[in-house]
Amino acid sequence: MIHMKEVIFEETGRAMDVLKVREAPIPEPKPLEVQIEVKARNINPSDLMFIRGRYGVKPDLPSSAGFEAAGIVSKADAEGKFPVGTRVMFTSQGTNMGTWREYITLPVRQVFPMPEGMSFEVACQAFVNPVTAVAMVNRSGLKAGDWLLVTAGASAFGKFAIQVARSKGINVVCTVRHDEQKAYLTEFGAQLVVNTEKEDLKQAISTIVADGVSAVFDAVGGELAANALSCIRPLGKMFVFGVLSMQDLPLNTGLLIFKEITIEGFWLSSLLKRINDEERAKLYQETQGFLMRNDTRAEVAEKFPLTEVKAAIEAYNKPGRNGKILLVS
């Protein structure tokens, strides 16, 4: 029997504490599945939340990790929709089989052909963050000239959100914690970048937009989210889709009442299950079009082999990091 390497965890906890690399049999596809040789995988906050048991989908232990990746079809499905050798990108959400392994089998409905000219390094990050960014900008109803505040602007999602918004003429403010990231995000299209470790967020925003931003995309929670809430104009919205601080959002009831602010949760997995096939295809098509634009940047900071997953996690946790951390084969 031919074996492969895979990253697994047998109990939930900090990735550095619970992840291990082991040998396992290469999985065989069922009739409506394909077998894929995985070439590149990225590390997302949702992956680490999943490993800790704090994500919306609970692991069936022992479990692998990783929600998205790209690779090459090594065994075709029974209907031949994806022939051997097809370059594909995919998500493992909805299954208990993560992408941090050398081979994976998935239902054909979760697999998409890579656009011509797209690299594995871009394709492996083509779902979670860019699809969320496009979907959230569309959901927000923001129009050209409106102002959007994005917390954790230097995150992969933040950089995609900045670029998607600016492509539609939406003005973007974002927050960072390191001064060197200010010029970096300005290059991505942010009109104002605020270092919340040194600057007052509300005061900085008031210098360019007196009545506040129309919407906030918050991935942080805690005190920063509360400060961002105070920057919203009357009848504005906050979309909450992450909690990087691991702290709940403290709500100012007066702001909600007197400014009539709406706070809305956003989870891509739930959205994709809720919308119909036509809407889903339209969302993916718009996202792929965005990713293939000459001026779109999907940056990579470092690449590690699958067997060095803990070194990759250390690089991921490095303060001030710019670009994704990938696990490659």
Protein backbone atom coordinates (compact mmCIF):
# COMPACT_ATOMS: atom_id res chain seq x y z
CA MET A 1 0.00 0.00 0.00
CA ILE A 2 1.34 3.42 -0.99
CA HIS A 3 1.48 5.99 1.81
CA MET A 4 1.54 9.77 2.05
CA LYS A 5 2.42 12.35 4.66
CA GLU A 6 -0.30 14.29 6.43
CA VAL A 7 -0.58 16.79 9.28
CA ILE A 8 -3.08 15.78 11.95
CA PHE A 9 -4.16 16.60 15.50
CA GLU A 10 -5.67 14.12 17.95
CA GLU A 11 -6.88 16.73 20.42
CA THR A 12 -7.83 20.38 20.08
CA GLY A 13 -5.44 23.08 21.26
CA ARG A 14 -2.70 25.44 20.09
CA ALA A 15 -1.37 24.35 16.72
CA MET A 16 2.22 24.32 17.99
CA ASP A 17 1.21 21.91 20.76
CA VAL A 18 -1.09 19.44 19.01
CA LEU A 19 -0.03 19.15 15.34
CA LYS A 20 1.99 16.15 14.22
CA VAL A 21 3.12 14.71 10.89
CA ARG A 22 2.39 11.04 10.19
CA GLU A 23 2.30 8.49 7.36
CA ALA A 24 -1.15 7.40 6.16
CA PRO A 25 -2.58 5.43 3.22
CA ILE A 26 -3.37 7.55 0.15
CA PRO A 27 -7.18 7.87 0.02
CA GLU A 28 -9.07 6.35 -2.92
CA PRO A 29 -11.86 8.37 -4.58
CA LYS A 30 -15.50 7.27 -4.67
CA PRO A 31 -17.38 7.48 -8.00
CA LEU A 32 -18.37 11.15 -7.60
CA GLU A 33 -14.97 12.17 -6.19
CA VAL A 34 -11.53 12.99 -7.53
CA GLN A 35 -8.15 12.26 -6.01
CA ILE A 36 -5.87 15.29 -5.95
CA GLU A 37 -2.13 15.59 -5.39
CA VAL A 38 -1.97 18.74 -3.27
CA LYS A 39 0.68 21.24 -4.35
CA ALA A 40 0.07 24.33 -2.21
CA ARG A 41 -1.93 25.14 0.91
CA ASN A 42 -2.19 28.40 2.82
CA ILE A 43 -2.60 29.02 6.54
CA ASN A 44 -5.68 31.01 7.53
CA PRO A 45 -6.93 32.17 10.95
CA SER A 46 -9.91 29.84 10.46
CA ASP A 47 -7.52 26.87 10.20
CA LEU A 48 -5.99 27.66 13.59
CA MET A 49 -9.42 28.29 15.14
CA PHE A 50 -10.50 24.87 13.81
CA ILE A 51 -7.47 23.21 15.42
CA ARG A 52 -8.36 24.90 18.72
CA GLY A 53 -11.96 23.67 18.47
CA ARG A 54 -13.30 27.23 18.28
CA TYR A 55 -14.53 27.31 14.70
CA GLY A 56 -18.11 26.91 13.45
CA VAL A 57 -17.29 23.38 12.25
CA LYS A 58 -15.98 21.01 14.91
CA PRO A 59 -13.21 18.50 14.07
CA ASP A 60 -13.89 14.78 14.12
CA LEU A 61 -10.73 13.65 15.88
CA PRO A 62 -8.19 12.68 14.79
CA SER A 63 -8.41 15.29 12.07
CA SER A 64 -6.28 17.04 9.50
CA ALA A 65 -6.48 20.81 9.06
CA GLY A 66 -6.61 23.31 6.22
CA PHE A 67 -9.68 24.62 4.43
CA GLU A 68 -8.30 25.48 0.97
CA ALA A 69 -5.54 24.42 -1.39
CA ALA A 70 -4.58 23.78 -5.03
CA GLY A 71 -3.17 20.79 -6.83
CA ILE A 72 -3.33 18.36 -9.74
CA VAL A 73 -5.96 15.66 -10.30
CA SER A 74 -4.21 12.30 -9.88
CA LYS A 75 -7.32 10.09 -10.29
CA ALA A 76 -10.34 11.28 -12.26
CA ASP A 77 -13.96 11.04 -11.20
CA ALA A 78 -16.13 8.34 -12.76
CA GLU A 79 -17.81 10.80 -15.14
CA GLY A 80 -14.51 12.29 -16.28
CA LYS A 81 -15.37 15.86 -15.36
CA PHE A 82 -11.81 16.37 -14.10
CA PRO A 83 -9.32 14.29 -16.13
CA VAL A 84 -5.96 13.27 -14.68
CA GLY A 85 -3.54 16.20 -14.87
CA THR A 86 -6.17 18.93 -14.46
CA ARG A 87 -4.89 21.80 -12.32
CA VAL A 88 -7.55 22.51 -9.69
CA MET A 89 -8.29 24.63 -6.64
CA PHE A 90 -10.63 23.51 -3.91
CA THR A 91 -12.00 23.87 -0.42
CA SER A 92 -12.39 21.12 2.16
CA GLN A 93 -15.06 22.92 4.22
CA GLY A 94 -18.04 20.68 4.79
CA THR A 95 -15.80 17.60 5.05
CA ASN A 96 -13.63 16.33 7.89
CA MET A 97 -10.62 15.95 5.62
CA GLY A 98 -8.25 18.91 5.72
CA THR A 99 -5.86 19.97 2.96
CA TRP A 100 -2.63 19.67 4.99
CA ARG A 101 -1.79 16.32 3.40
CA GLU A 102 -0.10 15.16 0.21
CA TYR A 103 -3.26 13.66 -1.34
CA ILE A 104 -6.95 14.30 -0.80
CA THR A 105 -10.22 12.98 -2.23
CA LEU A 106 -13.11 15.40 -2.61
CA PRO A 107 -16.58 15.52 -4.22
CA VAL A 108 -16.39 17.11 -7.67
CA ARG A 109 -18.75 19.90 -6.55
CA GLN A 110 -16.00 21.23 -4.27
CA VAL A 111 -13.35 21.31 -7.00
CA PHE A 112 -12.79 24.05 -9.60
CA PRO A 113 -10.39 24.21 -12.54
CA MET A 114 -7.65 26.80 -12.09
CA PRO A 115 -7.86 29.72 -14.54
CA GLU A 116 -5.23 29.68 -17.27
CA GLY A 117 -2.09 31.43 -16.07
CA MET A 118 -2.89 31.25 -12.34
CA SER A 119 -0.13 29.83 -10.13
CA PHE A 120 -0.63 27.26 -7.38
CA GLU A 121 0.52 29.96 -4.91
CA VAL A 122 -2.42 32.20 -5.87
CA ALA A 123 -4.95 29.40 -6.46
CA CYS A 124 -4.44 27.97 -2.96
CA GLN A 125 -5.69 31.24 -1.48
CA ALA A 126 -8.49 31.85 -3.99
CA PHE A 127 -11.44 30.92 -1.77
CA VAL A 128 -11.58 31.92 1.87
CA ASN A 129 -10.28 35.49 1.78
CA PRO A 130 -10.97 36.82 -1.74
CA VAL A 131 -14.45 35.24 -1.97
CA THR A 132 -15.27 36.63 1.48
CA ALA A 133 -13.98 40.07 0.45
CA VAL A 134 -16.04 40.15 -2.75
CA ALA A 135 -19.15 38.80 -1.00
CA MET A 136 -18.88 41.26 1.89
CA VAL A 137 -18.34 44.29 -0.34
CA ASN A 138 -21.38 43.25 -2.38
CA ARG A 139 -23.42 42.56 0.77
CA SER A 140 -22.52 45.95 2.26
CA GLY A 141 -24.25 47.88 -0.51
CA LEU A 142 -21.44 50.44 -0.50
CA LYS A 143 -21.24 52.67 -3.55
CA ALA A 144 -18.44 54.65 -5.18
CA GLY A 145 -17.45 57.50 -2.89
CA ASP A 146 -18.58 55.76 0.33
CA TRP A 147 -16.10 55.07 3.14
CA LEU A 148 -15.25 51.62 4.50
CA LEU A 149 -13.18 50.83 7.61
CA VAL A 150 -11.31 47.50 7.61
CA THR A 151 -9.72 46.33 10.86
CA ALA A 152 -6.53 44.22 10.65
CA GLY A 153 -5.83 45.78 7.26
CA ALA A 154 -2.53 43.94 6.77
CA SER A 155 -4.20 40.52 7.01
CA ALA A 156 -4.76 38.56 3.79
CA PHE A 157 -8.46 39.36 3.95
CA GLY A 158 -7.75 43.02 4.67
CA LYS A 159 -5.54 43.39 1.60
CA PHE A 160 -8.11 41.69 -0.64
CA ALA A 161 -10.92 43.83 0.83
CA ILE A 162 -8.94 47.02 0.20
CA GLN A 163 -8.36 46.03 -3.43
CA VAL A 164 -11.94 44.89 -4.09
CA ALA A 165 -13.37 48.07 -2.55
CA ARG A 166 -11.01 50.39 -4.40
CA SER A 167 -11.83 48.64 -7.71
CA LYS A 168 -15.42 49.77 -7.13
CA GLY A 169 -14.47 53.34 -6.18
CA ILE A 170 -15.06 52.84 -2.45
CA ASN A 171 -12.72 54.77 -0.12
CA VAL A 172 -10.90 52.63 2.44
CA VAL A 173 -9.56 53.27 5.95
CA CYS A 174 -7.75 50.39 7.65
CA THR A 175 -6.06 49.69 10.96
CA VAL A 176 -2.60 48.25 11.62
CA ARG A 177 -0.30 47.82 14.63
CA HIS A 178 3.06 48.53 12.97
CA ASP A 179 4.16 51.78 11.31
CA GLU A 180 5.94 50.00 8.46
CA GLN A 181 2.59 48.62 7.30
CA LYS A 182 1.16 52.09 6.67
CA ALA A 183 3.00 52.78 3.41
CA TYR A 184 2.58 49.12 2.46
CA LEU A 185 -1.23 49.28 2.62
CA THR A 186 -1.34 52.66 0.93
CA GLU A 187 0.20 50.90 -2.07
CA PHE A 188 -2.75 48.47 -2.00
CA GLY A 189 -5.18 51.39 -2.27
CA ALA A 190 -6.06 52.38 1.29
CA GLN A 191 -6.59 56.14 1.57
CA LEU A 192 -5.94 56.23 5.31
CA VAL A 193 -4.01 53.74 7.46
CA VAL A 194 -4.17 54.15 11.24
CA ASN A 195 -1.72 52.57 13.67
CA THR A 196 -4.07 51.95 16.60
CA GLU A 197 -1.11 51.31 18.92
CA LYS A 198 -0.19 55.02 18.60
CA GLU A 199 -3.17 56.89 17.12
CA ASP A 200 -6.77 57.52 18.13
CA LEU A 201 -8.87 55.80 15.47
CA LYS A 202 -11.96 58.00 15.70
CA GLN A 203 -9.95 61.22 15.69
CA ALA A 204 -7.87 60.10 12.68
CA ILE A 205 -10.99 59.23 10.70
CA SER A 206 -12.75 62.49 11.60
CA THR A 207 -10.00 64.45 9.84
CA ILE A 208 -11.05 63.08 6.44
CA VAL A 209 -14.70 62.07 6.86
CA ALA A 210 -16.48 64.13 9.52
CA ASP A 211 -19.66 62.08 9.97
CA GLY A 212 -17.95 58.69 10.02
CA VAL A 213 -17.62 55.67 7.73
CA SER A 214 -20.60 53.96 6.15
CA ALA A 215 -19.47 50.43 7.04
CA VAL A 216 -16.91 48.47 9.06
CA PHE A 217 -15.52 45.01 8.29
CA ASP A 218 -14.22 43.70 11.62
CA ALA A 219 -12.10 40.59 12.08
CA VAL A 220 -10.64 41.50 15.47
CA GLY A 221 -13.34 41.96 18.12
CA GLY A 222 -12.57 43.32 21.58
CA GLU A 223 -11.60 46.93 22.20
CA LEU A 224 -10.62 47.64 18.59
CA ALA A 225 -14.05 46.56 17.36
CA ALA A 226 -15.69 48.82 19.96
CA ASN A 227 -13.58 51.75 18.77
CA ALA A 228 -14.45 50.95 15.15
CA LEU A 229 -18.15 50.91 16.05
CA SER A 230 -17.86 54.49 17.31
CA CYS A 231 -16.54 55.55 13.88
CA ILE A 232 -19.71 54.56 12.00
CA ARG A 233 -22.05 57.23 10.66
CA PRO A 234 -25.82 57.16 11.41
CA LEU A 235 -27.59 54.22 9.70
CA GLY A 236 -24.21 52.59 9.02
CA LYS A 237 -23.34 48.91 9.38
CA MET A 238 -20.70 46.75 11.00
CA PHE A 239 -20.00 43.30 9.55
CA VAL A 240 -18.35 40.96 12.06
CA PHE A 241 -16.58 37.94 10.56
CA GLY A 242 -13.66 37.16 12.89
CA VAL A 243 -12.32 37.45 16.42
CA LEU A 244 -8.53 37.58 16.13
CA SER A 245 -8.25 39.14 19.59
CA MET A 246 -10.18 36.18 21.06
CA GLN A 247 -12.30 38.80 22.87
CA ASP A 248 -16.00 39.49 22.36
CA LEU A 249 -17.19 42.82 21.00
CA PRO A 250 -18.32 45.10 23.89
CA LEU A 251 -21.41 46.94 22.63
CA ASN A 252 -22.28 50.59 23.27
CA THR A 253 -26.06 50.43 23.37
CA GLY A 254 -26.40 54.20 23.00
CA LEU A 255 -24.54 54.14 19.69
CA LEU A 256 -26.82 51.42 18.38
CA ILE A 257 -29.95 53.31 19.38
CA PHE A 258 -29.17 56.90 18.54
CA LYS A 259 -27.17 56.21 15.37
CA GLU A 260 -29.42 53.28 14.38
CA ILE A 261 -26.35 51.21 13.58
CA THR A 262 -26.75 47.62 12.39
CA ILE A 263 -24.32 44.86 13.40
CA GLU A 264 -24.37 41.78 11.20
CA GLY A 265 -22.44 38.53 11.42
CA PHE A 266 -20.88 37.06 8.28
CA TRP A 267 -19.73 33.47 7.72
CA LEU A 268 -18.80 32.46 4.18
CA SER A 269 -19.62 28.77 4.71
CA SER A 270 -23.18 29.63 5.69
CA LEU A 271 -23.60 32.03 2.77
CA LEU A 272 -22.42 29.47 0.22
CA LYS A 273 -24.94 26.92 1.52
CA ARG A 274 -27.75 29.48 1.48
CA ILE A 275 -27.41 30.94 -2.02
CA ASN A 276 -28.40 29.06 -5.17
CA ASP A 277 -26.06 27.56 -7.77
CA GLU A 278 -26.40 30.55 -10.10
CA GLU A 279 -25.55 33.05 -7.35
CA ARG A 280 -22.63 30.91 -6.19
CA ALA A 281 -21.23 30.64 -9.72
CA LYS A 282 -21.58 34.41 -10.19
CA LEU A 283 -19.69 35.04 -6.92
CA TYR A 284 -16.86 32.67 -7.91
CA GLN A 285 -16.69 34.19 -11.40
CA GLU A 286 -16.40 37.72 -10.02
CA THR A 287 -13.71 36.60 -7.56
CA GLN A 288 -11.67 34.83 -10.24
CA GLY A 289 -11.94 37.87 -12.47
CA PHE A 290 -10.65 40.01 -9.62
CA LEU A 291 -7.75 37.64 -8.92
CA MET A 292 -6.70 37.58 -12.57
CA ARG A 293 -6.53 41.38 -12.91
CA ASN A 294 -3.03 42.65 -13.59
CA ASP A 295 -3.17 45.03 -10.63
CA THR A 296 -4.43 42.47 -8.06
CA ARG A 297 -1.79 41.40 -5.54
CA ALA A 298 -1.94 38.08 -3.66
CA GLU A 299 1.35 38.07 -1.82
CA VAL A 300 3.31 35.22 -0.28
CA ALA A 301 5.70 35.84 2.62
CA GLU A 302 7.27 32.38 2.99
CA LYS A 303 6.83 28.78 1.80
CA PHE A 304 7.52 25.65 3.87
CA PRO A 305 7.34 21.92 3.10
CA LEU A 306 4.45 20.10 4.73
CA THR A 307 6.84 18.31 7.10
CA GLU A 308 7.92 21.69 8.55
CA VAL A 309 4.41 22.73 9.55
CA LYS A 310 5.49 23.97 12.99
CA ALA A 311 8.11 26.26 11.46
CA ALA A 312 5.36 27.53 9.18
CA ILE A 313 3.12 28.24 12.18
CA GLU A 314 5.97 30.17 13.83
CA ALA A 315 6.36 32.26 10.67
CA TYR A 316 2.59 32.81 10.58
CA ASN A 317 2.65 34.15 14.15
CA LYS A 318 5.49 36.59 13.44
CA PRO A 319 4.39 40.18 14.26
CA GLY A 320 4.17 42.56 11.31
CA ARG A 321 4.21 39.77 8.73
CA ASN A 322 3.16 40.76 5.20
CA GLY A 323 1.96 38.02 2.86
CA LYS A 324 0.65 34.48 3.26
CA ILE A 325 2.48 31.52 4.73
CA LEU A 326 2.17 28.49 2.44
CA LEU A 327 2.71 24.76 2.89
CA VAL A 328 3.96 23.37 -0.42
CA SER A 329 4.79 19.99 -1.94
